[in-house]
Amino acid sequence: MGQLEAQERHLSITVQESNEANSLPDRRRGFNWWLKMLIYTVFVLAGQAIATLLGRQYYEKGGKSNWLATLVQICGFPIFLPYYCIPAWNKNCPTTNSTIAIESKPPSTLVLASIYGVLGTLIAADYYLYSLGISYLPVSTFSLISASQLVFNAIFSFFLNSQKITPYIVNSLVVLIISSSLLVLQGDGSADSSTVSRSKYIIGFICTVGASAGYALTLSLTQLAFTKVIKKESFRVIMDMTVYQSVAATAIILVGFFASGDWKGVTHEMQGFQLGKVAYIMNVTWTAINWQLFQLGVVGLVFEASSLFSNSIGAVGLPIVPVLAVIFFHEKMDGIKVVSLVLAIWGFISYVYQHYLDDCKSKSEKKDANDEVALPLENINS
């Protein structure tokens, strides 16, 4: 009898471990997971495209402040503050696995503040380096260097996040990089490096490479923070990561904005804006809102999938901007833009197909594990 009880206890532990091992894949591969992935992807693609077009309008119609252009990319977090004021939305749901939730000690406020502060500082530095890079480099060179962000992300993900680099992921990364690089061949009139001094060109090159590597590192560190420190499975942690790192980044950029004296020229810039003062305010406001939606989508994709997948979705959105520019800015639609968009879609499908294969594999493994547990239980009951 004692042997029977011991065997039942062993099987109970085995079932519990099997459920723990398979609870995460189930959560991340069910219908709700795909639905959330779709929503976050829309936020990334739509937010990036609209904000980029508004940013282009800002410069074309008279805007000149790099500090302000950087600030609007991260200061839109107040749109999410109502989430913290409504109890039904602000409820912090427990993790899917109750055993893990009990055993995992929540990180302290100091640890969380340090994480948000470090990530916010990196984001502020990355966005300002991007602003310097685009102001010193030809657009074609800037776009080509920015495409290297995926390579940096793949390297950081491999070492920091134990990312599996499968043939489909390699295919996706290569195709997306080619898609982004093709935009260089559009023949932008601003791509003449002779109008920029050699020293500024070198500074712009270094800033853009640094920003690309820094942003890739930020995404990988965000994923590392979710999996190793925060260890919670709720929408609250996504919202906290989005808002608090934006708060930290905004504080840093505001210091530079006021220290540089750029704030003094905002009134003059507003008055000289070609579309008028109201259009200037609307441009800045909606740019900030759309960049914040983009940031929420990025963090959500990092949480639900990986930093590399999140970065890949951002790369898919790059060719969308020139296509939308044809509609709103009446730019010429050439074959290169079409090919670039097709390649981006191809790369996206390749990455999604890899997740589909992971889904099938996780379901098969869980079925096999449950079958192995069920057979001994039937023997005991008999």
Protein backbone atom coordinates (compact mmCIF):
# COMPACT_ATOMS: atom_id res chain seq x y z
CA MET A 1 0.00 0.00 0.00
CA GLY A 2 2.84 2.36 0.85
CA GLN A 3 4.45 1.59 -2.49
CA LEU A 4 1.19 2.41 -4.28
CA GLU A 5 0.91 5.77 -2.48
CA ALA A 6 4.50 6.60 -3.32
CA GLN A 7 3.90 5.79 -6.98
CA GLU A 8 0.76 7.91 -7.07
CA ARG A 9 2.63 10.80 -5.41
CA HIS A 10 5.42 10.48 -8.00
CA LEU A 11 2.90 10.54 -10.83
CA SER A 12 1.20 13.57 -9.29
CA ILE A 13 4.50 15.42 -9.32
CA THR A 14 5.10 14.29 -12.90
CA VAL A 15 1.69 15.60 -14.00
CA GLN A 16 2.34 18.93 -12.24
CA GLU A 17 5.75 19.31 -13.90
CA SER A 18 4.25 18.39 -17.26
CA ASN A 19 1.55 21.03 -16.88
CA GLU A 20 4.12 23.63 -15.84
CA ALA A 21 6.32 22.83 -18.80
CA ASN A 22 3.44 23.12 -21.24
CA SER A 23 1.41 25.98 -19.75
CA LEU A 24 3.56 28.70 -21.33
CA PRO A 25 3.42 27.34 -24.90
CA ASP A 26 -0.36 26.94 -24.58
CA ARG A 27 -0.74 30.54 -23.46
CA ARG A 28 1.48 31.77 -26.22
CA ARG A 29 0.08 29.72 -29.07
CA GLY A 30 -3.68 29.81 -28.54
CA PHE A 31 -6.26 31.93 -30.37
CA ASN A 32 -5.94 34.74 -27.82
CA TRP A 33 -2.17 34.82 -28.38
CA TRP A 34 -2.56 35.21 -32.14
CA LEU A 35 -5.20 37.89 -31.62
CA LYS A 36 -2.90 39.87 -29.31
CA MET A 37 -0.05 39.46 -31.77
CA LEU A 38 -2.28 40.89 -34.51
CA ILE A 39 -3.26 43.90 -32.39
CA TYR A 40 0.33 44.67 -31.38
CA THR A 41 1.47 44.28 -34.99
CA VAL A 42 -1.15 46.79 -36.14
CA PHE A 43 0.04 49.22 -33.44
CA VAL A 44 3.64 48.87 -34.64
CA LEU A 45 2.92 49.16 -38.37
CA ALA A 46 0.27 51.88 -38.18
CA GLY A 47 1.99 53.87 -35.44
CA GLN A 48 5.36 53.82 -37.18
CA ALA A 49 3.95 54.69 -40.61
CA ILE A 50 1.72 57.56 -39.45
CA ALA A 51 4.30 59.01 -37.06
CA THR A 52 7.02 58.87 -39.74
CA LEU A 53 4.82 60.68 -42.25
CA LEU A 54 3.94 63.33 -39.67
CA GLY A 55 7.62 63.68 -38.82
CA ARG A 56 8.45 64.22 -42.47
CA GLN A 57 5.69 66.85 -42.67
CA TYR A 58 7.15 68.58 -39.60
CA TYR A 59 10.53 69.09 -41.26
CA GLU A 60 9.14 69.87 -44.72
CA LYS A 61 6.81 72.60 -43.45
CA GLY A 62 9.34 74.45 -41.31
CA GLY A 63 10.24 72.36 -38.24
CA LYS A 64 13.94 72.33 -37.32
CA SER A 65 14.40 71.21 -33.70
CA ASN A 66 16.07 67.80 -33.31
CA TRP A 67 15.40 67.86 -29.57
CA LEU A 68 11.67 68.44 -30.12
CA ALA A 69 11.57 65.75 -32.83
CA THR A 70 13.16 63.35 -30.33
CA LEU A 71 10.86 64.42 -27.49
CA VAL A 72 7.64 63.72 -29.39
CA GLN A 73 8.78 60.13 -29.96
CA ILE A 74 8.61 59.30 -26.25
CA CYS A 75 6.42 61.88 -24.46
CA GLY A 76 3.02 60.50 -25.46
CA PHE A 77 2.67 58.23 -22.42
CA PRO A 78 -0.11 60.37 -20.77
CA ILE A 79 -2.60 58.78 -23.19
CA PHE A 80 -2.21 55.55 -21.18
CA LEU A 81 -2.69 57.11 -17.75
CA PRO A 82 -6.50 56.47 -17.71
CA TYR A 83 -5.62 52.76 -17.63
CA TYR A 84 -4.26 53.24 -14.09
CA CYS A 85 -7.37 55.15 -12.99
CA ILE A 86 -9.95 52.52 -13.93
CA PRO A 87 -9.94 49.61 -11.44
CA ALA A 88 -11.39 47.10 -13.92
CA TRP A 89 -8.54 47.78 -16.37
CA ASN A 90 -5.84 48.20 -13.77
CA LYS A 91 -6.39 44.77 -12.21
CA ASN A 92 -3.10 42.86 -12.19
CA CYS A 93 -4.10 39.36 -13.30
CA PRO A 94 -2.17 36.38 -11.88
CA THR A 95 0.11 34.30 -14.02
CA THR A 96 -1.22 31.29 -15.89
CA ASN A 97 0.82 28.95 -13.72
CA SER A 98 -0.26 29.33 -10.09
CA THR A 99 2.70 27.30 -8.78
CA ILE A 100 5.20 29.59 -10.45
CA ALA A 101 3.24 32.63 -9.26
CA ILE A 102 3.50 31.45 -5.64
CA GLU A 103 7.16 30.46 -5.75
CA SER A 104 8.38 33.49 -7.72
CA LYS A 105 9.21 36.40 -5.46
CA PRO A 106 8.12 39.69 -7.08
CA PRO A 107 10.97 42.14 -7.76
CA SER A 108 11.32 45.08 -5.41
CA THR A 109 10.34 48.61 -6.34
CA LEU A 110 14.02 49.58 -6.46
CA VAL A 111 14.80 46.79 -8.93
CA LEU A 112 11.86 47.73 -11.16
CA ALA A 113 12.78 51.42 -11.02
CA SER A 114 16.35 50.54 -12.01
CA ILE A 115 15.11 48.49 -14.98
CA TYR A 116 12.78 51.22 -16.21
CA GLY A 117 15.48 53.85 -15.66
CA VAL A 118 18.17 51.97 -17.58
CA LEU A 119 15.87 51.10 -20.47
CA GLY A 120 14.48 54.65 -20.55
CA THR A 121 18.01 56.07 -20.67
CA LEU A 122 18.93 53.75 -23.54
CA ILE A 123 15.80 54.72 -25.47
CA ALA A 124 16.47 58.43 -24.97
CA ALA A 125 20.06 58.03 -26.17
CA ASP A 126 19.02 55.88 -29.15
CA TYR A 127 16.34 58.29 -30.36
CA TYR A 128 18.62 61.32 -30.07
CA LEU A 129 21.43 59.50 -31.90
CA TYR A 130 18.97 58.67 -34.66
CA SER A 131 18.02 62.37 -34.87
CA LEU A 132 21.68 63.35 -35.18
CA GLY A 133 22.31 60.63 -37.72
CA ILE A 134 19.49 61.68 -40.04
CA SER A 135 20.54 65.34 -39.76
CA TYR A 136 24.18 64.62 -40.74
CA LEU A 137 23.85 61.72 -43.20
CA PRO A 138 22.23 61.36 -46.60
CA VAL A 139 18.87 59.64 -46.31
CA SER A 140 20.05 56.67 -48.37
CA THR A 141 23.09 56.07 -46.15
CA PHE A 142 21.01 56.48 -43.00
CA SER A 143 18.44 53.92 -44.23
CA LEU A 144 21.12 51.41 -45.16
CA ILE A 145 22.85 51.64 -41.78
CA SER A 146 19.54 51.45 -39.91
CA ALA A 147 18.79 48.15 -41.66
CA SER A 148 21.73 46.67 -39.74
CA GLN A 149 19.60 46.89 -36.61
CA LEU A 150 18.20 43.44 -37.34
CA VAL A 151 21.69 41.95 -37.42
CA PHE A 152 22.56 43.53 -34.07
CA ASN A 153 19.27 42.28 -32.64
CA ALA A 154 19.93 38.73 -33.86
CA ILE A 155 23.34 38.75 -32.14
CA PHE A 156 22.02 40.15 -28.85
CA SER A 157 19.02 37.80 -28.90
CA PHE A 158 21.26 34.79 -29.41
CA PHE A 159 23.48 35.61 -26.43
CA LEU A 160 21.03 37.32 -24.04
CA ASN A 161 17.72 35.62 -24.83
CA SER A 162 18.82 32.17 -26.08
CA GLN A 163 17.02 32.85 -29.34
CA LYS A 164 16.90 29.86 -31.67
CA ILE A 165 18.11 30.89 -35.12
CA THR A 166 16.21 28.59 -37.49
CA PRO A 167 16.41 28.60 -41.32
CA TYR A 168 13.06 30.39 -41.55
CA ILE A 169 14.23 33.12 -39.17
CA VAL A 170 17.49 33.52 -41.12
CA ASN A 171 15.47 33.76 -44.34
CA SER A 172 13.20 36.36 -42.74
CA LEU A 173 16.12 38.49 -41.50
CA VAL A 174 17.98 38.37 -44.82
CA VAL A 175 14.88 39.24 -46.85
CA LEU A 176 13.90 42.09 -44.50
CA ILE A 177 17.41 43.56 -44.63
CA ILE A 178 17.38 43.40 -48.44
CA SER A 179 13.91 44.96 -48.44
CA SER A 180 15.09 47.89 -46.31
CA SER A 181 18.32 48.28 -48.29
CA LEU A 182 16.44 48.49 -51.59
CA LEU A 183 14.94 51.78 -50.43
CA VAL A 184 18.44 53.24 -50.75
CA LEU A 185 18.18 52.83 -54.53
CA GLN A 186 15.24 55.23 -54.79
CA GLY A 187 17.61 57.99 -55.80
CA ASP A 188 16.77 60.48 -53.07
CA GLY A 189 18.05 63.90 -53.99
CA SER A 190 19.32 64.39 -50.46
CA ALA A 191 21.66 61.46 -50.80
CA ASP A 192 24.55 63.60 -51.93
CA SER A 193 27.18 63.37 -49.26
CA SER A 194 29.17 66.22 -50.83
CA THR A 195 26.89 68.73 -49.11
CA VAL A 196 27.99 67.43 -45.70
CA SER A 197 31.45 68.00 -44.24
CA ARG A 198 33.61 64.94 -43.65
CA SER A 199 33.61 65.42 -39.88
CA LYS A 200 29.82 65.64 -39.70
CA TYR A 201 29.51 62.64 -42.02
CA ILE A 202 31.69 60.56 -39.71
CA ILE A 203 29.75 61.74 -36.66
CA GLY A 204 26.45 60.88 -38.36
CA PHE A 205 27.76 57.44 -39.33
CA ILE A 206 28.92 56.66 -35.79
CA CYS A 207 25.67 57.97 -34.28
CA THR A 208 23.50 55.87 -36.59
CA VAL A 209 25.49 52.68 -36.02
CA GLY A 210 25.43 53.33 -32.27
CA ALA A 211 21.69 53.99 -32.32
CA SER A 212 21.00 50.81 -34.31
CA ALA A 213 23.07 48.68 -31.94
CA GLY A 214 21.67 50.46 -28.89
CA TYR A 215 18.03 50.00 -29.87
CA ALA A 216 18.63 46.31 -30.63
CA LEU A 217 20.24 45.95 -27.20
CA THR A 218 17.29 47.73 -25.58
CA LEU A 219 14.81 45.26 -27.07
CA SER A 220 16.88 42.26 -25.98
CA LEU A 221 17.26 43.69 -22.46
CA THR A 222 13.50 44.29 -22.33
CA GLN A 223 12.88 40.63 -23.13
CA LEU A 224 15.49 39.62 -20.55
CA ALA A 225 13.76 41.75 -17.90
CA PHE A 226 10.39 40.12 -18.66
CA THR A 227 11.70 36.54 -18.46
CA LYS A 228 14.32 36.78 -15.70
CA VAL A 229 13.13 39.54 -13.35
CA ILE A 230 9.46 40.47 -13.72
CA LYS A 231 8.18 36.94 -14.47
CA LYS A 232 4.52 37.91 -14.65
CA GLU A 233 2.01 37.21 -17.38
CA SER A 234 -0.43 40.12 -17.52
CA PHE A 235 -1.17 43.16 -19.61
CA ARG A 236 -0.20 45.31 -16.61
CA VAL A 237 3.51 44.49 -16.99
CA ILE A 238 3.38 45.48 -20.68
CA MET A 239 1.74 48.77 -19.80
CA ASP A 240 4.17 49.43 -16.95
CA MET A 241 7.16 48.77 -19.16
CA THR A 242 5.80 51.09 -21.86
CA VAL A 243 4.82 53.96 -19.58
CA TYR A 244 7.61 53.98 -17.00
CA GLN A 245 10.48 53.69 -19.46
CA SER A 246 8.84 56.48 -21.49
CA VAL A 247 8.66 58.61 -18.34
CA ALA A 248 12.39 58.08 -17.71
CA ALA A 249 13.30 58.78 -21.35
CA THR A 250 11.10 61.90 -21.45
CA ALA A 251 12.75 63.31 -18.32
CA ILE A 252 16.21 62.88 -19.87
CA ILE A 253 15.23 64.44 -23.20
CA LEU A 254 13.51 67.36 -21.45
CA VAL A 255 16.79 68.17 -19.70
CA GLY A 256 18.55 68.31 -23.06
CA PHE A 257 15.67 70.22 -24.64
CA PHE A 258 15.84 73.02 -22.07
CA ALA A 259 19.63 72.94 -21.60
CA SER A 260 20.20 73.33 -25.36
CA GLY A 261 17.87 76.32 -25.56
CA ASP A 262 15.71 74.73 -28.26
CA TRP A 263 12.61 75.51 -26.24
CA LYS A 264 13.13 79.21 -26.93
CA GLY A 265 12.59 78.71 -30.65
CA VAL A 266 9.34 76.73 -30.41
CA THR A 267 7.13 79.84 -30.56
CA HIS A 268 8.99 81.21 -33.57
CA GLU A 269 8.90 77.78 -35.23
CA MET A 270 5.16 77.54 -34.62
CA GLN A 271 4.53 80.96 -36.14
CA GLY A 272 6.62 80.13 -39.19
CA PHE A 273 5.03 76.72 -39.78
CA GLN A 274 3.64 76.76 -43.32
CA LEU A 275 0.34 75.08 -42.42
CA GLY A 276 -0.38 77.37 -39.46
CA LYS A 277 -0.20 77.20 -35.67
CA VAL A 278 -3.11 74.78 -35.22
CA ALA A 279 -1.60 72.39 -37.76
CA TYR A 280 1.75 72.62 -35.95
CA ILE A 281 0.17 71.67 -32.62
CA MET A 282 -1.85 68.86 -34.21
CA ASN A 283 1.25 67.56 -35.97
CA VAL A 284 3.30 67.40 -32.79
CA THR A 285 0.41 65.95 -30.75
CA TRP A 286 -0.52 63.17 -33.16
CA THR A 287 3.13 62.33 -33.77
CA ALA A 288 3.56 61.77 -30.03
CA ILE A 289 0.39 59.66 -29.81
CA ASN A 290 1.29 57.43 -32.72
CA TRP A 291 4.86 56.90 -31.53
CA GLN A 292 3.48 55.84 -28.14
CA LEU A 293 1.12 53.35 -29.77
CA PHE A 294 4.13 52.08 -31.70
CA GLN A 295 6.06 51.71 -28.44
CA LEU A 296 3.19 49.77 -26.83
CA GLY A 297 3.11 47.44 -29.82
CA VAL A 298 6.88 46.92 -29.69
CA VAL A 299 6.86 46.06 -25.97
CA GLY A 300 3.81 43.83 -26.43
CA LEU A 301 5.51 41.85 -29.21
CA VAL A 302 8.66 41.49 -27.11
CA PHE A 303 6.56 40.15 -24.23
CA GLU A 304 4.40 37.80 -26.32
CA ALA A 305 7.07 36.61 -28.78
CA SER A 306 10.64 37.93 -28.74
CA SER A 307 12.71 41.06 -29.25
CA LEU A 308 13.83 39.75 -32.66
CA PHE A 309 10.25 39.26 -33.83
CA SER A 310 9.33 42.74 -32.59
CA ASN A 311 12.25 44.27 -34.47
CA SER A 312 11.32 42.32 -37.59
CA ILE A 313 7.80 43.75 -37.55
CA GLY A 314 9.34 47.22 -37.39
CA ALA A 315 11.43 46.35 -40.44
CA VAL A 316 8.28 45.22 -42.27
CA GLY A 317 6.87 48.71 -41.72
CA LEU A 318 9.79 50.51 -43.38
CA PRO A 319 8.64 49.88 -46.99
CA ILE A 320 5.08 50.80 -46.05
CA VAL A 321 6.07 54.43 -45.43
CA PRO A 322 7.20 55.13 -49.03
CA VAL A 323 3.98 53.57 -50.32
CA LEU A 324 1.87 55.80 -48.06
CA ALA A 325 4.01 58.78 -49.12
CA VAL A 326 2.79 58.16 -52.67
CA ILE A 327 -0.78 58.64 -51.44
CA PHE A 328 -0.34 61.58 -49.05
CA PHE A 329 2.71 63.38 -50.51
CA HIS A 330 2.14 62.43 -54.17
CA GLU A 331 5.59 60.91 -54.50
CA LYS A 332 6.42 58.69 -57.47
CA MET A 333 5.67 54.99 -57.11
CA ASP A 334 8.46 53.02 -58.75
CA GLY A 335 9.28 49.35 -59.10
CA ILE A 336 11.86 49.38 -56.31
CA LYS A 337 9.25 50.40 -53.75
CA VAL A 338 6.93 47.62 -54.91
CA VAL A 339 9.68 44.99 -54.77
CA SER A 340 10.75 46.24 -51.33
CA LEU A 341 7.19 45.92 -50.03
CA VAL A 342 6.80 42.41 -51.50
CA LEU A 343 10.07 41.29 -49.89
CA ALA A 344 8.98 42.74 -46.55
CA ILE A 345 5.74 40.76 -46.69
CA TRP A 346 7.72 37.65 -47.63
CA GLY A 347 10.02 38.11 -44.64
CA PHE A 348 7.05 38.64 -42.34
CA ILE A 349 5.30 35.47 -43.56
CA SER A 350 8.51 33.48 -43.10
CA TYR A 351 8.77 34.58 -39.46
CA VAL A 352 5.09 33.92 -38.76
CA TYR A 353 5.42 30.45 -40.33
CA GLN A 354 8.21 29.68 -37.86
CA HIS A 355 5.84 30.53 -35.01
CA TYR A 356 3.23 28.26 -36.61
CA LEU A 357 5.77 25.40 -36.63
CA ASP A 358 6.59 26.12 -32.97
CA ASP A 359 2.86 26.00 -32.23
CA CYS A 360 2.46 22.57 -33.85
CA LYS A 361 5.58 21.26 -32.10
CA SER A 362 4.48 22.44 -28.63
CA LYS A 363 1.03 20.86 -29.05
CA SER A 364 2.59 17.58 -30.19
CA GLU A 365 5.01 17.53 -27.25
CA LYS A 366 2.21 18.20 -24.78
CA LYS A 367 0.08 15.43 -26.26
CA ASP A 368 2.99 12.97 -25.99
CA ALA A 369 3.69 14.04 -22.39
CA ASN A 370 0.05 13.64 -21.38
CA ASP A 371 -0.09 10.20 -23.01
CA GLU A 372 3.00 9.10 -21.10
CA VAL A 373 1.41 10.21 -17.81
CA ALA A 374 -1.99 8.67 -18.61
CA LEU A 375 -0.67 5.16 -19.19
CA PRO A 376 0.81 4.66 -15.66
CA LEU A 377 -2.33 6.17 -14.10
CA GLU A 378 -4.48 3.63 -15.93
CA ASN A 379 -2.24 0.80 -14.65
CA ILE A 380 -2.62 1.99 -11.05
CA ASN A 381 -6.38 2.37 -11.30
CA SER A 382 -6.66 -1.11 -12.73
